[in-house]
């Protein structure tokens, strides 16, 4: 099933995180910290969820040649701005 995409953004666009959501809850995986570290930085839109939130990979880790880990956030479109559109 295809997720709805906000007309303002497309997969592949570069966006800057302008604000963090005010209602983030702290949990065992450190969600508020991940969002705070993304603030002011630019990321490529990887996809959208059913609510229209943008999927952004904000950190990638390669602890060994055979493993890969990433920190991904899902953020509402009004918390980001368009930097560049993928042509």
PDB file of N, CA and C in Angstrom:
ATOM      1  N   UNK A   1       0.840  -1.171   0.000  1.00  0.00           N
ATOM      2  CA  UNK A   1       0.000   0.000   0.000  1.00  0.00           C
ATOM      3  C   UNK A   1       0.893   1.244   0.000  1.00  0.00           C
ATOM      4  N   UNK A   2       0.645   2.157  -0.892  1.00  0.00           N
ATOM      5  CA  UNK A   2       1.443   3.370  -0.984  1.00  0.00           C
ATOM      6  C   UNK A   2       1.025   4.360   0.092  1.00  0.00           C
ATOM      7  N   UNK A   3       2.015   5.003   0.693  1.00  0.00           N
ATOM      8  CA  UNK A   3       1.743   6.011   1.712  1.00  0.00           C
ATOM      9  C   UNK A   3       1.474   7.349   1.042  1.00  0.00           C
ATOM     10  N   UNK A   4       0.595   8.154   1.630  1.00  0.00           N
ATOM     11  CA  UNK A   4       0.360   9.472   1.047  1.00  0.00           C
ATOM     12  C   UNK A   4       1.598  10.346   1.203  1.00  0.00           C
ATOM     13  N   UNK A   5       1.896  11.120   0.191  1.00  0.00           N
ATOM     14  CA  UNK A   5       3.043  12.007   0.248  1.00  0.00           C
ATOM     15  C   UNK A   5       2.564  13.446   0.234  1.00  0.00           C
ATOM     16  N   UNK A   6       3.033  14.252   1.144  1.00  0.00           N
ATOM     17  CA  UNK A   6       2.674  15.664   1.091  1.00  0.00           C
ATOM     18  C   UNK A   6       3.164  16.259  -0.219  1.00  0.00           C
ATOM     19  N   UNK A   7       2.370  17.091  -0.856  1.00  0.00           N
ATOM     20  CA  UNK A   7       2.753  17.648  -2.148  1.00  0.00           C
ATOM     21  C   UNK A   7       3.986  18.541  -2.031  1.00  0.00           C
ATOM     22  N   UNK A   8       4.281  19.006  -0.835  1.00  0.00           N
ATOM     23  CA  UNK A   8       5.394  19.918  -0.626  1.00  0.00           C
ATOM     24  C   UNK A   8       6.750  19.218  -0.705  1.00  0.00           C
ATOM     25  N   UNK A   9       6.807  17.942  -0.387  1.00  0.00           N
ATOM     26  CA  UNK A   9       8.069  17.207  -0.362  1.00  0.00           C
ATOM     27  C   UNK A   9       7.945  15.919  -1.163  1.00  0.00           C
ATOM     28  N   UNK A  10       9.104  15.460  -1.660  1.00  0.00           N
ATOM     29  CA  UNK A  10       9.161  14.201  -2.397  1.00  0.00           C
ATOM     30  C   UNK A  10      10.335  13.376  -1.887  1.00  0.00           C
ATOM     31  N   UNK A  11      10.260  12.068  -2.081  1.00  0.00           N
ATOM     32  CA  UNK A  11      11.390  11.207  -1.737  1.00  0.00           C
ATOM     33  C   UNK A  11      12.608  11.704  -2.506  1.00  0.00           C
ATOM     34  N   UNK A  12      13.723  11.830  -1.812  1.00  0.00           N
ATOM     35  CA  UNK A  12      14.958  12.303  -2.424  1.00  0.00           C
ATOM     36  C   UNK A  12      15.245  13.769  -2.155  1.00  0.00           C
ATOM     37  N   UNK A  13      14.231  14.544  -1.753  1.00  0.00           N
ATOM     38  CA  UNK A  13      14.459  15.954  -1.426  1.00  0.00           C
ATOM     39  C   UNK A  13      15.418  16.081  -0.250  1.00  0.00           C
ATOM     40  N   UNK A  14      16.185  17.157  -0.247  1.00  0.00           N
ATOM     41  CA  UNK A  14      17.001  17.498   0.914  1.00  0.00           C
ATOM     42  C   UNK A  14      16.215  18.491   1.758  1.00  0.00           C
ATOM     43  N   UNK A  15      16.081  18.178   3.047  1.00  0.00           N
ATOM     44  CA  UNK A  15      15.341  19.049   3.953  1.00  0.00           C
ATOM     45  C   UNK A  15      16.194  19.353   5.181  1.00  0.00           C
ATOM     46  N   UNK A  16      15.936  20.505   5.778  1.00  0.00           N
ATOM     47  CA  UNK A  16      16.623  20.905   7.016  1.00  0.00           C
ATOM     48  C   UNK A  16      15.620  20.830   8.159  1.00  0.00           C
ATOM     49  N   UNK A  17      16.026  20.237   9.265  1.00  0.00           N
ATOM     50  CA  UNK A  17      15.182  20.175  10.453  1.00  0.00           C
ATOM     51  C   UNK A  17      15.249  21.549  11.112  1.00  0.00           C
ATOM     52  N   UNK A  18      14.118  22.252  11.111  1.00  0.00           N
ATOM     53  CA  UNK A  18      14.051  23.621  11.632  1.00  0.00           C
ATOM     54  C   UNK A  18      13.616  23.680  13.092  1.00  0.00           C
ATOM     55  N   UNK A  19      12.762  22.760  13.497  1.00  0.00           N
ATOM     56  CA  UNK A  19      12.247  22.714  14.866  1.00  0.00           C
ATOM     57  C   UNK A  19      12.096  21.261  15.272  1.00  0.00           C
ATOM     58  N   UNK A  20      12.080  21.022  16.571  1.00  0.00           N
ATOM     59  CA  UNK A  20      11.792  19.674  17.058  1.00  0.00           C
ATOM     60  C   UNK A  20      10.370  19.667  17.613  1.00  0.00           C
ATOM     61  N   UNK A  21       9.666  18.569  17.456  1.00  0.00           N
ATOM     62  CA  UNK A  21       8.312  18.485  17.996  1.00  0.00           C
ATOM     63  C   UNK A  21       8.326  18.715  19.507  1.00  0.00           C
ATOM     64  N   UNK A  22       7.400  19.507  20.026  1.00  0.00           N
ATOM     65  CA  UNK A  22       7.415  19.844  21.450  1.00  0.00           C
ATOM     66  C   UNK A  22       6.987  18.706  22.373  1.00  0.00           C
ATOM     67  N   UNK A  23       6.308  17.726  21.838  1.00  0.00           N
ATOM     68  CA  UNK A  23       5.736  16.678  22.683  1.00  0.00           C
ATOM     69  C   UNK A  23       6.502  15.353  22.612  1.00  0.00           C
ATOM     70  N   UNK A  24       7.803  15.405  22.369  1.00  0.00           N
ATOM     71  CA  UNK A  24       8.598  14.175  22.323  1.00  0.00           C
ATOM     72  C   UNK A  24       8.720  13.594  23.721  1.00  0.00           C
ATOM     73  N   UNK A  25       8.552  12.286  23.802  1.00  0.00           N
ATOM     74  CA  UNK A  25       8.652  11.603  25.086  1.00  0.00           C
ATOM     75  C   UNK A  25       9.993  10.894  25.178  1.00  0.00           C
ATOM     76  N   UNK A  26      10.637  11.044  26.324  1.00  0.00           N
ATOM     77  CA  UNK A  26      11.896  10.346  26.538  1.00  0.00           C
ATOM     78  C   UNK A  26      11.594   8.870  26.757  1.00  0.00           C
ATOM     79  N   UNK A  27      12.403   8.034  26.194  1.00  0.00           N
ATOM     80  CA  UNK A  27      12.232   6.590  26.349  1.00  0.00           C
ATOM     81  C   UNK A  27      13.603   5.929  26.328  1.00  0.00           C
ATOM     82  N   UNK A  28      13.613   4.659  26.343  1.00  0.00           N
ATOM     83  CA  UNK A  28      14.876   3.915  26.443  1.00  0.00           C
ATOM     84  C   UNK A  28      15.793   4.134  25.240  1.00  0.00           C
ATOM     85  N   UNK A  29      15.246   4.557  24.094  1.00  0.00           N
ATOM     86  CA  UNK A  29      16.093   4.724  22.916  1.00  0.00           C
ATOM     87  C   UNK A  29      16.519   6.166  22.684  1.00  0.00           C
ATOM     88  N   UNK A  30      16.172   7.091  23.570  1.00  0.00           N
ATOM     89  CA  UNK A  30      16.671   8.460  23.494  1.00  0.00           C
ATOM     90  C   UNK A  30      16.096   9.305  22.382  1.00  0.00           C
ATOM     91  N   UNK A  31      14.824   9.178  22.109  1.00  0.00           N
ATOM     92  CA  UNK A  31      14.197   9.912  21.015  1.00  0.00           C
ATOM     93  C   UNK A  31      14.441  11.426  21.061  1.00  0.00           C
ATOM     94  N   UNK A  32      14.225  12.100  22.190  1.00  0.00           N
ATOM     95  CA  UNK A  32      14.463  13.558  22.197  1.00  0.00           C
ATOM     96  C   UNK A  32      15.897  13.933  21.819  1.00  0.00           C
ATOM     97  N   UNK A  33      16.857  13.162  22.268  1.00  0.00           N
ATOM     98  CA  UNK A  33      18.256  13.437  21.957  1.00  0.00           C
ATOM     99  C   UNK A  33      18.525  13.312  20.469  1.00  0.00           C
ATOM    100  N   UNK A  34      17.969  12.291  19.834  1.00  0.00           N
ATOM    101  CA  UNK A  34      18.165  12.095  18.395  1.00  0.00           C
ATOM    102  C   UNK A  34      17.588  13.281  17.626  1.00  0.00           C
ATOM    103  N   UNK A  35      16.392  13.729  18.001  1.00  0.00           N
ATOM    104  CA  UNK A  35      15.784  14.882  17.339  1.00  0.00           C
ATOM    105  C   UNK A  35      16.615  16.144  17.563  1.00  0.00           C
ATOM    106  N   UNK A  36      17.088  16.367  18.774  1.00  0.00           N
ATOM    107  CA  UNK A  36      17.889  17.554  19.090  1.00  0.00           C
ATOM    108  C   UNK A  36      19.185  17.572  18.288  1.00  0.00           C
ATOM    109  N   UNK A  37      19.795  16.404  18.098  1.00  0.00           N
ATOM    110  CA  UNK A  37      21.032  16.328  17.330  1.00  0.00           C
ATOM    111  C   UNK A  37      20.784  16.590  15.849  1.00  0.00           C
ATOM    112  N   UNK A  38      19.564  16.364  15.382  1.00  0.00           N
ATOM    113  CA  UNK A  38      19.221  16.597  13.979  1.00  0.00           C
ATOM    114  C   UNK A  38      18.894  18.065  13.702  1.00  0.00           C
ATOM    115  N   UNK A  39      18.596  18.822  14.726  1.00  0.00           N
ATOM    116  CA  UNK A  39      18.178  20.215  14.582  1.00  0.00           C
ATOM    117  C   UNK A  39      19.221  21.035  13.823  1.00  0.00           C
ATOM    118  N   UNK A  40      18.772  21.713  12.776  1.00  0.00           N
ATOM    119  CA  UNK A  40      19.652  22.563  11.976  1.00  0.00           C
ATOM    120  C   UNK A  40      20.438  21.835  10.910  1.00  0.00           C
ATOM    121  N   UNK A  41      20.306  20.525  10.839  1.00  0.00           N
ATOM    122  CA  UNK A  41      21.067  19.733   9.864  1.00  0.00           C
ATOM    123  C   UNK A  41      20.171  19.345   8.685  1.00  0.00           C
ATOM    124  N   UNK A  42      20.818  18.948   7.604  1.00  0.00           N
ATOM    125  CA  UNK A  42      20.134  18.614   6.357  1.00  0.00           C
ATOM    126  C   UNK A  42      20.182  17.112   6.120  1.00  0.00           C
ATOM    127  N   UNK A  43      19.036  16.572   5.689  1.00  0.00           N
ATOM    128  CA  UNK A  43      18.899  15.132   5.437  1.00  0.00           C
ATOM    129  C   UNK A  43      18.071  14.903   4.180  1.00  0.00           C
ATOM    130  N   UNK A  44      18.263  13.735   3.581  1.00  0.00           N
ATOM    131  CA  UNK A  44      17.474  13.344   2.409  1.00  0.00           C
ATOM    132  C   UNK A  44      16.203  12.632   2.871  1.00  0.00           C
ATOM    133  N   UNK A  45      15.072  12.974   2.256  1.00  0.00           N
ATOM    134  CA  UNK A  45      13.805  12.309   2.563  1.00  0.00           C
ATOM    135  C   UNK A  45      13.859  10.892   2.002  1.00  0.00           C
ATOM    136  N   UNK A  46      13.702   9.905   2.893  1.00  0.00           N
ATOM    137  CA  UNK A  46      13.751   8.492   2.508  1.00  0.00           C
ATOM    138  C   UNK A  46      12.378   7.941   2.162  1.00  0.00           C
ATOM    139  N   UNK A  47      11.345   8.521   2.761  1.00  0.00           N
ATOM    140  CA  UNK A  47       9.993   8.022   2.532  1.00  0.00           C
ATOM    141  C   UNK A  47       9.004   8.772   3.401  1.00  0.00           C
ATOM    142  N   UNK A  48       7.777   8.252   3.433  1.00  0.00           N
ATOM    143  CA  UNK A  48       6.686   8.850   4.201  1.00  0.00           C
ATOM    144  C   UNK A  48       5.904   7.738   4.879  1.00  0.00           C
ATOM    145  N   UNK A  49       5.352   8.023   6.051  1.00  0.00           N
ATOM    146  CA  UNK A  49       4.491   7.026   6.681  1.00  0.00           C
ATOM    147  C   UNK A  49       3.030   7.350   6.367  1.00  0.00           C
ATOM    148  N   UNK A  50       2.117   6.570   6.903  1.00  0.00           N
ATOM    149  CA  UNK A  50       0.689   6.729   6.606  1.00  0.00           C
ATOM    150  C   UNK A  50       0.142   8.081   7.068  1.00  0.00           C
ATOM    151  N   UNK A  51       0.812   8.720   8.025  1.00  0.00           N
ATOM    152  CA  UNK A  51       0.365  10.019   8.526  1.00  0.00           C
ATOM    153  C   UNK A  51       0.991  11.180   7.758  1.00  0.00           C
ATOM    154  N   UNK A  52       1.887  10.886   6.819  1.00  0.00           N
ATOM    155  CA  UNK A  52       2.557  11.928   6.047  1.00  0.00           C
ATOM    156  C   UNK A  52       3.828  12.450   6.674  1.00  0.00           C
ATOM    157  N   UNK A  53       4.292  11.806   7.758  1.00  0.00           N
ATOM    158  CA  UNK A  53       5.559  12.193   8.387  1.00  0.00           C
ATOM    159  C   UNK A  53       6.715  11.785   7.466  1.00  0.00           C
ATOM    160  N   UNK A  54       7.744  12.610   7.427  1.00  0.00           N
ATOM    161  CA  UNK A  54       8.918  12.324   6.607  1.00  0.00           C
ATOM    162  C   UNK A  54       9.855  11.379   7.341  1.00  0.00           C
ATOM    163  N   UNK A  55      10.395  10.418   6.617  1.00  0.00           N
ATOM    164  CA  UNK A  55      11.395   9.505   7.160  1.00  0.00           C
ATOM    165  C   UNK A  55      12.775  10.070   6.836  1.00  0.00           C
ATOM    166  N   UNK A  56      13.558  10.337   7.892  1.00  0.00           N
ATOM    167  CA  UNK A  56      14.909  10.862   7.720  1.00  0.00           C
ATOM    168  C   UNK A  56      15.894   9.968   8.454  1.00  0.00           C
ATOM    169  N   UNK A  57      16.947   9.521   7.765  1.00  0.00           N
ATOM    170  CA  UNK A  57      18.030   8.790   8.414  1.00  0.00           C
ATOM    171  C   UNK A  57      19.011   9.850   8.892  1.00  0.00           C
ATOM    172  N   UNK A  58      19.119   9.982  10.211  1.00  0.00           N
ATOM    173  CA  UNK A  58      19.919  11.074  10.773  1.00  0.00           C
ATOM    174  C   UNK A  58      21.304  10.637  11.221  1.00  0.00           C
ATOM    175  N   UNK A  59      21.562   9.353  11.280  1.00  0.00           N
ATOM    176  CA  UNK A  59      22.893   8.853  11.622  1.00  0.00           C
ATOM    177  C   UNK A  59      23.038   7.431  11.102  1.00  0.00           C
ATOM    178  N   UNK A  60      24.223   7.127  10.610  1.00  0.00           N
ATOM    179  CA  UNK A  60      24.524   5.778  10.148  1.00  0.00           C
ATOM    180  C   UNK A  60      25.775   5.288  10.869  1.00  0.00           C
ATOM    181  N   UNK A  61      25.742   4.025  11.235  1.00  0.00           N
ATOM    182  CA  UNK A  61      26.861   3.434  11.963  1.00  0.00           C
ATOM    183  C   UNK A  61      27.263   2.135  11.274  1.00  0.00           C
ATOM    184  N   UNK A  62      28.557   1.916  11.172  1.00  0.00           N
ATOM    185  CA  UNK A  62      29.099   0.673  10.624  1.00  0.00           C
ATOM    186  C   UNK A  62      30.035   0.085  11.685  1.00  0.00           C
ATOM    187  N   UNK A  63      29.460  -0.555  12.715  1.00  0.00           N
ATOM    188  CA  UNK A  63      30.292  -1.081  13.798  1.00  0.00           C
ATOM    189  C   UNK A  63      31.291  -2.138  13.344  1.00  0.00           C
ATOM    190  N   UNK A  64      30.980  -2.804  12.243  1.00  0.00           N
ATOM    191  CA  UNK A  64      31.909  -3.774  11.669  1.00  0.00           C
ATOM    192  C   UNK A  64      31.617  -3.847  10.173  1.00  0.00           C
ATOM    193  N   UNK A  65      32.510  -4.442   9.399  1.00  0.00           N
ATOM    194  CA  UNK A  65      32.272  -4.513   7.953  1.00  0.00           C
ATOM    195  C   UNK A  65      30.980  -5.238   7.579  1.00  0.00           C
ATOM    196  N   UNK A  66      30.504  -6.111   8.457  1.00  0.00           N
ATOM    197  CA  UNK A  66      29.318  -6.901   8.142  1.00  0.00           C
ATOM    198  C   UNK A  66      28.035  -6.387   8.783  1.00  0.00           C
ATOM    199  N   UNK A  67      28.075  -5.236   9.445  1.00  0.00           N
ATOM    200  CA  UNK A  67      26.851  -4.759  10.082  1.00  0.00           C
ATOM    201  C   UNK A  67      26.621  -3.283   9.787  1.00  0.00           C
ATOM    202  N   UNK A  68      25.366  -2.919   9.845  1.00  0.00           N
ATOM    203  CA  UNK A  68      24.942  -1.551   9.567  1.00  0.00           C
ATOM    204  C   UNK A  68      23.830  -1.198  10.544  1.00  0.00           C
ATOM    205  N   UNK A  69      23.888  -0.008  11.098  1.00  0.00           N
ATOM    206  CA  UNK A  69      22.837   0.484  11.984  1.00  0.00           C
ATOM    207  C   UNK A  69      22.550   1.923  11.600  1.00  0.00           C
ATOM    208  N   UNK A  70      21.318   2.362  11.833  1.00  0.00           N
ATOM    209  CA  UNK A  70      20.988   3.747  11.557  1.00  0.00           C
ATOM    210  C   UNK A  70      20.012   4.272  12.592  1.00  0.00           C
ATOM    211  N   UNK A  71      20.035   5.590  12.767  1.00  0.00           N
ATOM    212  CA  UNK A  71      19.037   6.274  13.574  1.00  0.00           C
ATOM    213  C   UNK A  71      18.099   6.956  12.586  1.00  0.00           C
ATOM    214  N   UNK A  72      16.826   6.636  12.676  1.00  0.00           N
ATOM    215  CA  UNK A  72      15.827   7.181  11.781  1.00  0.00           C
ATOM    216  C   UNK A  72      14.787   7.918  12.600  1.00  0.00           C
ATOM    217  N   UNK A  73      14.384   9.089  12.100  1.00  0.00           N
ATOM    218  CA  UNK A  73      13.281   9.798  12.736  1.00  0.00           C
ATOM    219  C   UNK A  73      12.146   9.943  11.736  1.00  0.00           C
ATOM    220  N   UNK A  74      10.953  10.064  12.266  1.00  0.00           N
ATOM    221  CA  UNK A  74       9.760  10.359  11.479  1.00  0.00           C
ATOM    222  C   UNK A  74       9.284  11.713  11.984  1.00  0.00           C
ATOM    223  N   UNK A  75       9.234  12.699  11.097  1.00  0.00           N
ATOM    224  CA  UNK A  75       8.964  14.066  11.523  1.00  0.00           C
ATOM    225  C   UNK A  75       7.884  14.699  10.648  1.00  0.00           C
ATOM    226  N   UNK A  76       7.033  15.503  11.274  1.00  0.00           N
ATOM    227  CA  UNK A  76       5.965  16.183  10.559  1.00  0.00           C
ATOM    228  C   UNK A  76       6.565  17.203   9.591  1.00  0.00           C
ATOM    229  N   UNK A  77       5.946  17.366   8.431  1.00  0.00           N
ATOM    230  CA  UNK A  77       6.490  18.268   7.409  1.00  0.00           C
ATOM    231  C   UNK A  77       6.671  19.711   7.877  1.00  0.00           C
ATOM    232  N   UNK A  78       5.855  20.186   8.795  1.00  0.00           N
ATOM    233  CA  UNK A  78       5.967  21.596   9.198  1.00  0.00           C
ATOM    234  C   UNK A  78       7.162  21.863  10.108  1.00  0.00           C
ATOM    235  N   UNK A  79       7.913  20.837  10.463  1.00  0.00           N
ATOM    236  CA  UNK A  79       9.123  21.020  11.268  1.00  0.00           C
ATOM    237  C   UNK A  79      10.387  21.063  10.411  1.00  0.00           C
ATOM    238  N   UNK A  80      10.234  20.958   9.090  1.00  0.00           N
ATOM    239  CA  UNK A  80      11.396  20.973   8.193  1.00  0.00           C
ATOM    240  C   UNK A  80      11.185  21.988   7.079  1.00  0.00           C
ATOM    241  N   UNK A  81      12.277  22.362   6.413  1.00  0.00           N
ATOM    242  CA  UNK A  81      12.189  23.231   5.234  1.00  0.00           C
ATOM    243  C   UNK A  81      12.942  22.576   4.080  1.00  0.00           C
ATOM    244  N   UNK A  82      12.503  22.864   2.877  1.00  0.00           N
ATOM    245  CA  UNK A  82      13.130  22.316   1.677  1.00  0.00           C
ATOM    246  C   UNK A  82      14.455  23.032   1.413  1.00  0.00           C
ATOM    247  N   UNK A  83      15.514  22.251   1.202  1.00  0.00           N
ATOM    248  CA  UNK A  83      16.819  22.787   0.865  1.00  0.00           C
ATOM    249  C   UNK A  83      17.073  22.620  -0.623  1.00  0.00           C
ATOM    250  N   UNK A  84      16.790  21.418  -1.150  1.00  0.00           N
ATOM    251  CA  UNK A  84      16.996  21.137  -2.574  1.00  0.00           C
ATOM    252  C   UNK A  84      16.096  19.995  -2.998  1.00  0.00           C
ATOM    253  N   UNK A  85      15.630  20.074  -4.222  1.00  0.00           N
ATOM    254  CA  UNK A  85      14.785  19.033  -4.791  1.00  0.00           C
ATOM    255  C   UNK A  85      15.636  18.147  -5.682  1.00  0.00           C
ATOM    256  N   UNK A  86      15.459  16.839  -5.542  1.00  0.00           N
ATOM    257  CA  UNK A  86      16.145  15.880  -6.409  1.00  0.00           C
ATOM    258  C   UNK A  86      15.569  16.020  -7.800  1.00  0.00           C
ATOM    259  N   UNK A  87      16.424  16.177  -8.783  1.00  0.00           N
ATOM    260  CA  UNK A  87      15.943  16.361 -10.159  1.00  0.00           C
ATOM    261  C   UNK A  87      15.782  15.056 -10.880  1.00  0.00           C
TER     262      UNK A  87
END
